[in-house]
Structures are given as C-alpha cells and as structure tokens.
Amino acid sequence: MKYLLVLAVVVVAFYVWRNNRRVERQEREATAPPRPARATGQPIAMVACRACGTHLPQNEAVTGRQGSYCSAEHRQRIEGPPA
C-alpha cells in the first residue's frame, strides 16, 4: 500500500510538472516575435575567386577584367592596379 501511495504521488507530480512546461511554452510562443519568412526565390549563382578559389555568391563578388574575386585585394594581386 505504501508503494502505491508513493507511485501515485510521483505520477501526480510528473503530471503537474509536464502541464506547467506546456503552459510556459505556449506563453513563450505567444509573446515571442514572429519569425521572419524565408525568402523563396531563385537560387543565387556561386562563383569562385580566381586568386584563392573561395566560392561566394555572384552578387557579392568583385568583378575584374579576368573574372570574379572575393575582394579588391585579390583582384589587384592578379590584375594589377586599376587602370
């Protein structure tokens, strides 16, 4: 009988603990700022830097006479100073 009483107390304590966690999570989700929507556009083309081979998005690449670079320093190293 004693073990049954201990088991009942443990089950009730577990139920109360789980219920409190659920309520707290719902409150956090209600007060949290909404997540920004993902951009569902076209994939961005990737290019490799001619100096180091690092791949980066084409819109972030520095374009030179001989190709794309990850920075102005790499463009200068390969192509020389700007004309």
Foldseek 3Di string as FASTA:
>chain_A
DVVVVVVVVVVVVVVVVVVVVVVVVVVCVVPDDDDDDDDDDDDFDWDAAPQPGDIDGPVQWDADPVGTHNDPVSNCVVVNDDD
